[in-house]
Protein backbone atom coordinates (compact mmCIF):
# COMPACT_ATOMS: atom_id res chain seq x y z
CA UNK A 1 0.23 -0.03 -0.22
CA UNK A 2 1.28 3.30 -1.03
CA UNK A 3 1.65 5.82 1.72
CA UNK A 4 0.15 8.97 1.56
CA UNK A 5 2.76 11.73 2.45
CA UNK A 6 2.12 15.34 3.36
CA UNK A 7 4.20 17.60 1.15
CA UNK A 8 5.63 21.10 1.44
CA UNK A 9 6.22 23.16 -1.53
CA UNK A 10 8.08 26.53 -1.85
CA UNK A 11 9.24 28.65 -4.94
CA UNK A 12 12.47 30.56 -4.71
CA UNK A 13 15.63 31.83 -7.04
CA UNK A 14 18.93 30.35 -7.01
CA UNK A 15 22.09 31.93 -9.37
CA UNK A 16 22.23 30.17 -12.44
CA UNK A 17 25.44 31.79 -14.27
CA UNK A 18 28.25 34.03 -13.54
CA UNK A 19 30.50 35.92 -15.65
CA UNK A 20 32.83 38.50 -15.65
CA UNK A 21 33.27 40.04 -19.16
CA UNK A 22 36.02 42.28 -20.04
CA UNK A 23 36.32 44.37 -23.21
CA UNK A 24 38.10 47.31 -24.83
CA UNK A 25 36.45 50.18 -26.37
CA UNK A 26 38.40 53.18 -28.67
CA UNK A 27 36.98 56.35 -30.36
CA UNK A 28 38.29 59.56 -32.50
CA UNK A 29 36.28 62.41 -31.56
CA UNK A 30 36.55 65.74 -33.45
CA UNK A 31 36.09 68.64 -31.16
CA UNK A 32 33.40 70.93 -32.48
CA UNK A 33 33.30 74.22 -33.71
CA UNK A 34 32.01 75.85 -30.71
CA UNK A 35 35.11 74.47 -28.75
CA UNK A 36 38.52 76.00 -28.27
CA UNK A 37 41.38 74.06 -29.71
CA UNK A 38 43.15 71.90 -27.36
CA UNK A 39 46.28 72.77 -25.69
CA UNK A 40 46.95 70.54 -23.26
CA UNK A 41 44.67 67.38 -21.38
CA UNK A 42 44.12 67.55 -17.83
CA UNK A 43 41.89 64.50 -17.06
CA UNK A 44 39.15 62.21 -18.09
CA UNK A 45 35.79 61.16 -16.74
CA UNK A 46 33.74 58.74 -17.72
CA UNK A 47 30.05 57.57 -16.51
CA UNK A 48 28.72 54.32 -17.30
CA UNK A 49 24.79 54.50 -18.57
CA UNK A 50 23.38 50.97 -19.07
CA UNK A 51 20.29 50.81 -21.02
CA UNK A 52 19.19 47.27 -21.42
CA UNK A 53 19.82 44.02 -20.29
CA UNK A 54 18.23 40.74 -21.79
CA UNK A 55 18.13 37.19 -21.85
CA UNK A 56 17.57 35.30 -24.87
CA UNK A 57 17.39 31.41 -24.81
CA UNK A 58 20.38 31.61 -22.06
CA UNK A 59 22.19 33.91 -23.56
CA UNK A 60 22.75 37.15 -21.84
CA UNK A 61 23.52 40.42 -23.51
CA UNK A 62 23.81 44.28 -22.18
CA UNK A 63 24.34 47.72 -24.04
CA UNK A 64 24.97 50.89 -23.12
CA UNK A 65 27.06 54.10 -22.87
CA UNK A 66 29.95 55.60 -21.27
CA UNK A 67 29.55 59.12 -20.98
CA UNK A 68 33.43 60.36 -21.41
CA UNK A 69 33.91 63.96 -20.07
CA UNK A 70 37.38 65.44 -20.97
CA UNK A 71 38.85 68.31 -19.14
CA UNK A 72 41.48 70.30 -21.07
CA UNK A 73 43.22 73.58 -21.50
CA UNK A 74 42.31 75.79 -24.09
CA UNK A 75 44.94 77.21 -26.97
CA UNK A 76 45.41 80.25 -25.98
CA UNK A 77 42.91 81.05 -23.33
CA UNK A 78 42.79 80.37 -19.70
CA UNK A 79 40.92 78.78 -17.64
CA UNK A 80 39.45 75.19 -18.35
CA UNK A 81 37.25 73.74 -20.76
CA UNK A 82 35.46 70.64 -21.25
CA UNK A 83 34.34 68.16 -24.25
CA UNK A 84 31.69 65.63 -23.79
CA UNK A 85 30.91 62.78 -26.04
CA UNK A 86 29.07 59.19 -25.70
CA UNK A 87 30.83 55.73 -26.53
CA UNK A 88 28.19 53.09 -27.20
CA UNK A 89 29.34 49.61 -25.97
CA UNK A 90 27.11 46.13 -26.06
CA UNK A 91 28.44 43.08 -24.36
CA UNK A 92 27.29 39.32 -24.71
CA UNK A 93 27.62 36.05 -23.26
CA UNK A 94 28.70 32.68 -24.87
CA UNK A 95 25.22 30.95 -25.98
CA UNK A 96 23.42 28.91 -23.03
CA UNK A 97 25.92 30.40 -20.69
CA UNK A 98 22.53 31.00 -18.40
CA UNK A 99 20.62 27.75 -18.53
CA UNK A 100 17.03 28.19 -17.58
CA UNK A 101 17.63 31.85 -16.04
CA UNK A 102 15.08 34.47 -16.10
CA UNK A 103 16.19 37.29 -14.67
CA UNK A 104 19.56 38.99 -15.15
CA UNK A 105 21.40 41.54 -12.91
CA UNK A 106 24.17 43.35 -14.72
CA UNK A 107 26.72 45.82 -13.75
CA UNK A 108 29.44 47.50 -15.78
CA UNK A 109 32.34 49.84 -14.55
CA UNK A 110 35.05 51.58 -16.08
CA UNK A 111 38.50 49.43 -15.26
CA UNK A 112 40.53 52.07 -17.45
CA UNK A 113 40.29 55.21 -19.33
CA UNK A 114 42.23 57.73 -21.34
CA UNK A 115 42.04 60.40 -23.47
CA UNK A 116 44.77 61.73 -25.65
CA UNK A 117 45.33 64.88 -28.22
CA UNK A 118 45.82 63.54 -31.65
CA UNK A 119 45.66 67.34 -32.80
CA UNK A 120 44.31 70.64 -31.43
CA UNK A 121 40.70 69.33 -32.81
CA UNK A 122 40.84 65.57 -32.35
CA UNK A 123 41.02 63.25 -29.22
CA UNK A 124 41.56 59.41 -28.80
CA UNK A 125 40.10 57.83 -26.18
CA UNK A 126 40.70 54.18 -24.88
CA UNK A 127 38.54 52.77 -22.34
CA UNK A 128 38.64 49.27 -20.65
CA UNK A 129 35.40 47.69 -19.69
CA UNK A 130 34.15 45.04 -17.02
CA UNK A 131 30.95 43.62 -16.69
CA UNK A 132 29.36 41.59 -14.17
CA UNK A 133 26.55 39.26 -14.94
CA UNK A 134 24.62 37.14 -12.94
CA UNK A 135 21.54 35.08 -14.02
CA UNK A 136 18.95 33.91 -11.84
CA UNK A 137 16.60 30.65 -12.29
CA UNK A 138 13.36 29.65 -10.57
CA UNK A 139 13.50 26.53 -8.58
CA UNK A 140 10.33 24.64 -6.92
CA UNK A 141 11.87 22.67 -3.36
CA UNK A 142 9.25 19.86 -2.43
CA UNK A 143 9.69 18.14 1.07
CA UNK A 144 7.85 15.59 2.79
CA UNK A 145 7.18 16.41 6.30
CA UNK A 146 4.97 13.93 7.73
CA UNK A 147 2.73 10.81 6.86
CA UNK A 148 -0.93 11.04 6.38
CA UNK A 149 -2.15 8.44 8.04
CA UNK A 150 -4.55 8.02 10.80
CA UNK A 151 -4.23 4.57 11.14
CA UNK A 152 -2.75 3.50 14.51
CA UNK A 153 -3.02 -0.35 13.84
CA UNK A 154 -0.17 0.20 11.31
CA UNK A 155 2.39 0.94 13.98
CA UNK A 156 4.70 3.60 12.12
CA UNK A 157 7.25 5.35 13.58
CA UNK A 158 8.59 8.13 12.33
CA UNK A 159 11.50 10.59 12.28
CA UNK A 160 11.60 14.30 11.70
CA UNK A 161 13.80 17.23 11.78
CA UNK A 162 13.12 20.94 11.75
CA UNK A 163 16.08 22.78 9.49
CA UNK A 164 16.13 26.75 9.49
CA UNK A 165 16.52 28.21 5.81
CA UNK A 166 16.54 31.17 4.15
CA UNK A 167 15.31 31.56 0.59
CA UNK A 168 15.96 33.92 -2.23
CA UNK A 169 12.19 34.30 -2.93
CA UNK A 170 11.88 37.61 -4.66
CA UNK A 171 13.71 39.65 -7.48
CA UNK A 172 12.39 43.11 -7.95
CA UNK A 173 13.23 45.76 -10.51
CA UNK A 174 12.13 48.82 -11.26
CA UNK A 175 12.96 51.97 -13.57
CA UNK A 176 12.70 55.50 -11.93
CA UNK A 177 13.36 59.34 -12.08
CA UNK A 178 14.71 61.14 -9.41
CA UNK A 179 14.91 65.23 -9.44
CA UNK A 180 16.03 67.72 -6.86
CA UNK A 181 17.96 70.85 -6.24
CA UNK A 182 21.35 70.97 -4.80
CA UNK A 183 22.01 74.55 -3.15
CA UNK A 184 25.33 75.64 -3.21
CA UNK A 185 26.91 76.95 -0.30
CA UNK A 186 26.93 80.71 0.75
CA UNK A 187 30.81 80.59 0.69
CA UNK A 188 31.18 79.30 -3.09
CA UNK A 189 31.05 81.45 -6.50
CA UNK A 190 28.00 80.39 -8.43
CA UNK A 191 28.29 78.57 -11.39
CA UNK A 192 28.22 79.24 -15.03
CA UNK A 193 29.01 76.02 -16.50
CA UNK A 194 29.47 72.54 -15.03
CA UNK A 195 32.11 70.74 -16.04
CA UNK A 196 32.00 67.44 -14.92
CA UNK A 197 29.88 65.67 -12.11
CA UNK A 198 30.01 62.57 -10.50
CA UNK A 199 26.85 60.81 -8.83
CA UNK A 200 27.04 57.88 -6.03
CA UNK A 201 23.92 56.04 -4.66
CA UNK A 202 24.09 54.72 -1.71
CA UNK A 203 20.75 52.86 0.10
CA UNK A 204 20.77 53.52 4.00
CA UNK A 205 17.35 51.80 5.21
CA UNK A 206 15.07 49.23 3.59
CA UNK A 207 11.35 47.78 4.73
CA UNK A 208 9.17 45.25 3.61
CA UNK A 209 5.61 45.94 4.38
CA UNK A 210 3.10 43.34 3.06
CA UNK A 211 3.87 43.28 -0.66
CA UNK A 212 5.97 46.40 -0.62
CA UNK A 213 9.52 46.74 -0.30
CA UNK A 214 10.18 50.42 1.02
CA UNK A 215 13.62 51.87 0.43
CA UNK A 216 15.52 55.27 1.40
CA UNK A 217 18.97 56.45 0.43
CA UNK A 218 21.22 59.14 -0.41
CA UNK A 219 22.82 60.50 -3.55
CA UNK A 220 25.98 62.26 -3.09
CA UNK A 221 26.55 64.73 -6.16
CA UNK A 222 29.73 66.22 -6.50
CA UNK A 223 30.65 69.09 -9.14
CA UNK A 224 33.65 71.13 -11.10
CA UNK A 225 31.82 74.07 -12.54
CA UNK A 226 33.37 77.14 -13.95
CA UNK A 227 31.82 80.54 -12.08
CA UNK A 228 31.10 83.29 -13.97
CA UNK A 229 34.45 84.85 -13.39
CA UNK A 230 35.97 81.83 -14.97
CA UNK A 231 37.53 80.58 -12.03
CA UNK A 232 37.56 76.71 -11.66
CA UNK A 233 35.40 75.56 -8.59
CA UNK A 234 34.09 72.63 -6.58
CA UNK A 235 31.02 71.30 -4.58
CA UNK A 236 29.53 68.61 -3.64
CA UNK A 237 25.90 67.99 -1.58
CA UNK A 238 23.64 64.90 -0.62
CA UNK A 239 20.35 64.43 -1.98
CA UNK A 240 17.73 62.46 -0.19
CA UNK A 241 15.48 59.94 -2.03
CA UNK A 242 13.05 56.96 -1.27
CA UNK A 243 11.24 54.51 -3.45
CA UNK A 244 8.39 51.78 -3.28
CA UNK A 245 8.64 48.64 -5.17
CA UNK A 246 6.42 46.27 -5.27
CA UNK A 247 6.54 42.49 -4.77
CA UNK A 248 4.17 39.51 -6.31
CA UNK A 249 2.60 37.81 -2.83
CA UNK A 250 3.43 38.77 0.28
CA UNK A 251 6.98 39.45 1.32
CA UNK A 252 6.74 40.72 5.11
CA UNK A 253 9.78 40.35 6.88
CA UNK A 254 12.10 39.78 4.29
CA UNK A 255 15.57 41.05 4.43
CA UNK A 256 16.52 43.43 1.02
CA UNK A 257 19.95 43.53 -0.95
CA UNK A 258 19.70 46.51 -3.17
CA UNK A 259 21.63 48.04 -6.42
CA UNK A 260 21.30 50.81 -8.06
CA UNK A 261 22.30 51.43 -11.55
CA UNK A 262 22.40 55.05 -13.35
CA UNK A 263 21.04 54.72 -16.86
CA UNK A 264 21.07 58.45 -17.41
CA UNK A 265 21.57 61.97 -15.88
CA UNK A 266 21.15 65.65 -16.25
CA UNK A 267 23.09 68.23 -14.10
CA UNK A 268 22.53 71.78 -15.04
CA UNK A 269 22.76 75.12 -13.44
CA UNK A 270 19.41 76.75 -12.62
CA UNK A 271 19.54 79.90 -14.89
CA UNK A 272 17.05 81.93 -12.84
CA UNK A 273 18.69 81.22 -9.10
CA UNK A 274 21.99 83.57 -10.34
CA UNK A 275 24.08 79.95 -10.75
CA UNK A 276 23.45 79.33 -6.77
CA UNK A 277 21.22 76.31 -7.82
CA UNK A 278 21.69 73.21 -9.49
CA UNK A 279 19.01 71.01 -10.85
CA UNK A 280 19.83 67.31 -10.80
CA UNK A 281 18.02 64.64 -12.87
CA UNK A 282 18.96 61.07 -12.31
CA UNK A 283 17.65 58.08 -14.41
CA UNK A 284 18.10 54.55 -12.22
CA UNK A 285 17.34 51.06 -12.34
CA UNK A 286 16.70 49.35 -9.30
CA UNK A 287 17.38 45.91 -8.61
CA UNK A 288 16.17 44.26 -4.83
CA UNK A 289 16.90 40.54 -4.14
CA UNK A 290 14.37 39.98 -1.31
CA UNK A 291 15.41 36.80 1.04
CA UNK A 292 13.07 35.24 3.87
CA UNK A 293 13.45 32.77 6.73
CA UNK A 294 11.51 29.90 7.32
CA UNK A 295 11.67 26.54 9.31
CA UNK A 296 10.87 23.36 7.05
CA UNK A 297 10.18 20.15 8.78
CA UNK A 298 11.59 16.91 7.00
CA UNK A 299 10.31 13.56 7.33
CA UNK A 300 13.76 11.78 7.46
CA UNK A 301 13.13 8.08 8.21
CA UNK A 302 10.39 5.72 9.09
CA UNK A 303 9.40 2.44 9.74
CA UNK A 304 7.06 -0.14 11.21
CA UNK A 305 6.95 -2.21 13.95
CA UNK A 306 4.26 -4.41 12.55
CA UNK A 307 4.76 -4.69 8.86
CA UNK A 308 7.11 -4.45 6.44
CA UNK A 309 7.85 -0.78 5.33
CA UNK A 310 10.21 0.76 2.31
CA UNK A 311 10.63 3.90 1.22
CA UNK A 312 12.64 6.04 -1.70
CA UNK A 313 14.74 8.84 -0.53
CA UNK A 314 15.85 11.93 -2.21
CA UNK A 315 18.80 14.49 -1.49
CA UNK A 316 17.73 18.01 -0.60
CA UNK A 317 19.84 21.39 -0.84
CA UNK A 318 18.82 23.98 1.86
CA UNK A 319 20.30 27.26 2.45
CA UNK A 320 21.66 26.89 5.93
CA UNK A 321 23.81 30.53 6.41
CA UNK A 322 22.85 33.45 4.71
CA UNK A 323 24.17 36.94 6.01
CA UNK A 324 24.55 40.33 4.69
CA UNK A 325 27.11 42.58 5.99
CA UNK A 326 29.04 46.06 5.87
CA UNK A 327 32.87 46.40 6.80
CA UNK A 328 34.53 49.70 6.81
CA UNK A 329 37.99 50.54 5.92
CA UNK A 330 38.97 54.26 6.65
CA UNK A 331 41.93 54.87 4.20
CA UNK A 332 44.71 57.90 4.62
CA UNK A 333 47.13 58.22 1.71
CA UNK A 334 49.34 60.90 0.21
CA UNK A 335 49.63 61.81 -3.53
CA UNK A 336 52.91 63.17 -4.30
CA UNK A 337 52.52 65.79 -6.89
CA UNK A 338 56.30 67.50 -7.16
CA UNK A 339 55.14 70.92 -7.41
CA UNK A 340 53.58 73.34 -5.15
CA UNK A 341 49.88 73.46 -4.95
CA UNK A 342 47.61 76.06 -4.56
CA UNK A 343 44.33 74.38 -4.01
CA UNK A 344 42.34 71.31 -4.60
CA UNK A 345 39.84 71.56 -7.00
CA UNK A 346 38.41 67.84 -6.74
CA UNK A 347 39.05 64.14 -5.55
CA UNK A 348 37.75 60.90 -6.65
CA UNK A 349 38.45 57.33 -5.23
CA UNK A 350 36.86 54.77 -7.08
CA UNK A 351 37.30 50.58 -5.82
CA UNK A 352 37.71 48.06 -8.44
CA UNK A 353 36.43 44.84 -8.10
CA UNK A 354 36.90 42.73 -5.02
CA UNK A 355 38.73 39.36 -4.82
CA UNK A 356 37.91 36.86 -1.64
CA UNK A 357 40.81 34.36 -0.47
CA UNK A 358 40.21 32.99 2.70
CA UNK A 359 42.29 30.60 4.95
CA UNK A 360 39.84 28.50 6.93
CA UNK A 361 37.09 30.54 8.56
CA UNK A 362 39.18 33.63 7.89
CA UNK A 363 38.11 35.68 4.85
CA UNK A 364 40.62 38.45 3.19
CA UNK A 365 38.65 40.59 0.90
CA UNK A 366 41.11 42.75 -1.34
CA UNK A 367 40.27 46.06 -3.79
CA UNK A 368 42.13 48.39 -5.51
CA UNK A 369 41.04 51.88 -4.85
CA UNK A 370 42.28 54.15 -7.62
CA UNK A 371 42.38 57.91 -6.20
CA UNK A 372 42.35 60.80 -8.57
CA UNK A 373 43.05 64.75 -7.77
CA UNK A 374 42.72 67.41 -9.80
CA UNK A 375 44.79 70.71 -8.46
CA UNK A 376 46.15 73.95 -9.07
CA UNK A 377 49.51 74.86 -8.95
CA UNK A 378 51.06 77.71 -8.01
CA UNK A 379 50.42 79.41 -11.26
CA UNK A 380 46.81 78.73 -12.02
CA UNK A 381 47.06 75.74 -13.82
CA UNK A 382 45.01 73.16 -13.78
CA UNK A 383 46.81 69.65 -13.10
CA UNK A 384 45.72 66.19 -12.16
CA UNK A 385 47.36 63.29 -10.26
CA UNK A 386 46.52 59.63 -9.63
CA UNK A 387 47.23 56.68 -7.64
CA UNK A 388 46.25 52.66 -7.11
CA UNK A 389 46.10 52.11 -3.41
CA UNK A 390 45.52 48.33 -1.99
CA UNK A 391 42.68 48.44 0.74
CA UNK A 392 41.74 44.87 2.21
CA UNK A 393 39.79 44.03 5.35
CA UNK A 394 38.99 40.68 7.01
CA UNK A 395 36.40 38.92 9.03
CA UNK A 396 34.92 35.31 9.96
CA UNK A 397 32.73 33.47 8.54
CA UNK A 398 31.60 29.51 8.11
CA UNK A 399 34.41 27.95 6.35
CA UNK A 400 31.98 26.15 3.19
CA UNK A 401 30.08 29.50 2.67
CA UNK A 402 30.21 31.16 -0.60
CA UNK A 403 31.05 34.97 -0.60
CA UNK A 404 30.42 37.66 -2.97
CA UNK A 405 31.54 41.03 -2.58
CA UNK A 406 31.83 44.58 -3.39
CA UNK A 407 33.43 47.79 -2.42
CA UNK A 408 32.19 51.26 -2.62
CA UNK A 409 33.30 54.88 -1.74
CA UNK A 410 29.57 56.44 -0.98
CA UNK A 411 31.06 59.56 1.11
CA UNK A 412 33.21 62.33 -0.65
CA UNK A 413 36.92 62.08 -0.42
CA UNK A 414 38.38 64.81 1.76
CA UNK A 415 41.97 66.13 1.30
CA UNK A 416 44.43 68.57 2.44
CA UNK A 417 47.65 70.22 1.09
CA UNK A 418 50.59 69.05 2.73
CA UNK A 419 54.52 69.05 2.61
CA UNK A 420 54.73 66.10 0.75
CA UNK A 421 51.49 66.27 -1.77
CA UNK A 422 47.86 65.81 -1.15
CA UNK A 423 46.81 63.91 1.75
CA UNK A 424 43.60 62.32 0.75
CA UNK A 425 41.43 60.39 3.13
CA UNK A 426 38.57 58.48 2.57
CA UNK A 427 36.33 55.35 3.91
CA UNK A 428 36.17 52.21 1.89
CA UNK A 429 32.84 50.15 2.21
CA UNK A 430 32.87 46.26 1.47
CA UNK A 431 29.09 45.04 1.49
CA UNK A 432 30.01 41.41 1.53
CA UNK A 433 26.75 38.68 1.06
CA UNK A 434 27.94 35.19 2.16
CA UNK A 435 25.77 31.65 1.92
CA UNK A 436 26.24 28.25 2.46
CA UNK A 437 24.06 25.18 1.51
CA UNK A 438 23.73 22.09 3.73
CA UNK A 439 22.80 18.53 2.44
CA UNK A 440 19.72 16.86 3.85
CA UNK A 441 17.90 13.57 2.84
CA UNK A 442 14.47 13.68 3.01
CA UNK A 443 11.70 10.31 2.46
CA UNK A 444 9.82 10.70 -1.18
CA UNK A 445 7.54 7.82 -1.35
CA UNK A 446 6.94 5.32 0.78
CA UNK A 447 4.94 1.66 0.74
CA UNK A 448 3.60 -0.54 3.63
CA UNK A 449 2.96 -4.28 3.12
CA UNK A 450 -0.36 -3.79 5.72
CA UNK A 451 -1.77 -7.27 4.62
CA UNK A 452 1.27 -9.60 5.57
CA UNK A 453 2.43 -8.66 9.74
CA UNK A 454 5.95 -8.97 10.13
CA UNK A 455 7.41 -12.24 10.86
CA UNK A 456 9.65 -11.84 14.20
CA UNK A 457 9.96 -15.43 14.92
CA UNK A 458 13.04 -16.02 16.73
CA UNK A 459 13.97 -12.47 17.41
CA UNK A 460 14.60 -11.58 21.03
CA UNK A 461 12.00 -10.13 23.43
CA UNK A 462 14.94 -8.23 25.40
CA UNK A 463 18.28 -6.91 24.59
CA UNK A 464 20.80 -5.49 26.89
CA UNK A 465 23.38 -3.20 25.43
CA UNK A 466 25.16 0.08 25.25
CA UNK A 467 24.66 3.04 22.67
CA UNK A 468 27.47 3.46 20.19
CA UNK A 469 29.40 6.77 19.99
CA UNK A 470 27.48 7.14 16.78
CA UNK A 471 24.48 5.65 17.45
CA UNK A 472 21.39 7.48 18.70
CA UNK A 473 18.05 5.97 20.47
CA UNK A 474 16.01 5.77 17.18
CA UNK A 475 18.84 3.74 15.39
CA UNK A 476 18.40 1.37 18.32
CA UNK A 477 14.61 1.47 18.31
CA UNK A 478 14.60 0.67 14.47
CA UNK A 479 17.36 -2.04 14.65
CA UNK A 480 15.62 -3.88 17.31
CA UNK A 481 12.03 -3.34 15.86
CA UNK A 482 10.77 -0.92 18.94
CA UNK A 483 10.39 2.49 19.82
CA UNK A 484 11.96 5.35 21.68
CA UNK A 485 9.27 5.45 24.51
CA UNK A 486 9.44 1.91 25.27
CA UNK A 487 13.33 2.06 25.64
CA UNK A 488 12.81 5.15 27.78
CA UNK A 489 9.95 3.78 29.80
CA UNK A 490 11.99 0.59 30.25
CA UNK A 491 14.69 2.54 31.46
CA UNK A 492 13.33 4.98 33.98
CA UNK A 493 14.39 7.75 31.72
CA UNK A 494 12.72 11.00 30.95
CA UNK A 495 14.45 11.97 27.50
CA UNK A 496 17.19 11.14 24.77
CA UNK A 497 19.52 13.31 26.37
CA UNK A 498 19.42 11.82 29.88
CA UNK A 499 21.28 8.33 27.94
CA UNK A 500 24.99 8.17 28.33
CA UNK A 501 26.89 6.42 25.76
CA UNK A 502 28.42 3.74 28.51
CA UNK A 503 25.14 3.10 30.07
CA UNK A 504 23.85 -0.25 29.72
CA UNK A 505 20.03 -0.34 28.09
CA UNK A 506 17.21 -2.37 28.17
CA UNK A 507 15.67 -2.89 24.83
CA UNK A 508 12.03 -4.56 24.63
CA UNK A 509 11.08 -5.70 21.64
CA UNK A 510 7.54 -3.56 20.77
CA UNK A 511 4.79 -6.35 20.60
CA UNK A 512 2.17 -5.64 17.68
């Protein structure tokens, strides 16, 4: 007779493919007629805007543009001028690199960006891009939790265990537009023209209420601008934002990991405010991974003391450990510039990819941070300096967990002029997602020969023996066709925890 089993099903996502793609893009750009000739290139900035991400039969494709800003000294003029242009790019994986994946998350960053002048009216730009792709597929986990029978005559003994697991239950995506105004402080000159800008977004708070994810954060906007008098100035500020993302089904109590990706930006001087207000419009794509914790009951083993019972078991993999954490490292470095600087115009610190190494439970995270400074020398000429520094941090995690980490510099770097150059101070935040899976076995199907009782002829009615070091009372009860309550009762014990390994136990055979 086939036993009816109580089954529990739940859906989740799992990573079905992870890839890192690198590519190089080059472009020759003509300086527009309205721009003066180039005398000397000072620096090059680049922002990546991702426009599309698609999955087609297991193949991942992304496309976007690198918005390049070249700062240069004009020929025959003083001050700093800017040249802006877009470099389109696309990246794709091999066919079937993301099998059965239904959602694609992508991040693209410039690892290298350089522009040189071919002549006063033409520049050559070389860019190396790194694209990180993660595909997720839907999975259905089915577990047997119990035996659906009320027939006490079958004398079925069952072993169940409760496992705590964490599942990636929702992946939310949303495109949204943010608009705000940045006020220049009273001590700064007004702005006539934005030369270049940087934007960093940080999510500071997340909360799930029913089917809604509420997130709050800050956009840090850094500006380099030209004043009406022609001076080169810098400013920065923070703009708070909030968004609501909708989930299918209940997500109450889920923990969220949110990634923000710029898809465009428009930062301009508000002409009606005498250059004291900066209009900021950002176009973004938000992706949120929601994880929910739950307790799962597994039917691990069963037998009958009255009839022959057989079953088939299947292996299960459950997420036994999942943690999202942050570690901050404060960095202080000196950029040696070789000249006497008059003032600092702007500073940036951009971390690269994070490498993960481990020894036992000790995990070391490392990244290379590119530090760049734009400054004025004693003669008022704009110059740039850069340096790469290694930043690392250590943390303790279970040995068998998988670690994924990213690094950010969400706060504006601070700098001071010193005898040796420019001292730069900034925090690097490592955001870590760690998870490990545990293997378990669960009953899948079971049959009992209810028409034929067990033949216990010759089996002893009483056994006297100790419990082995690797044995449990369940093992003894199943082996000698009895039950755990019967063993405890025969030995005057209240629970399994009271049974020492060296104690002789009376093991009575259960009568059908």
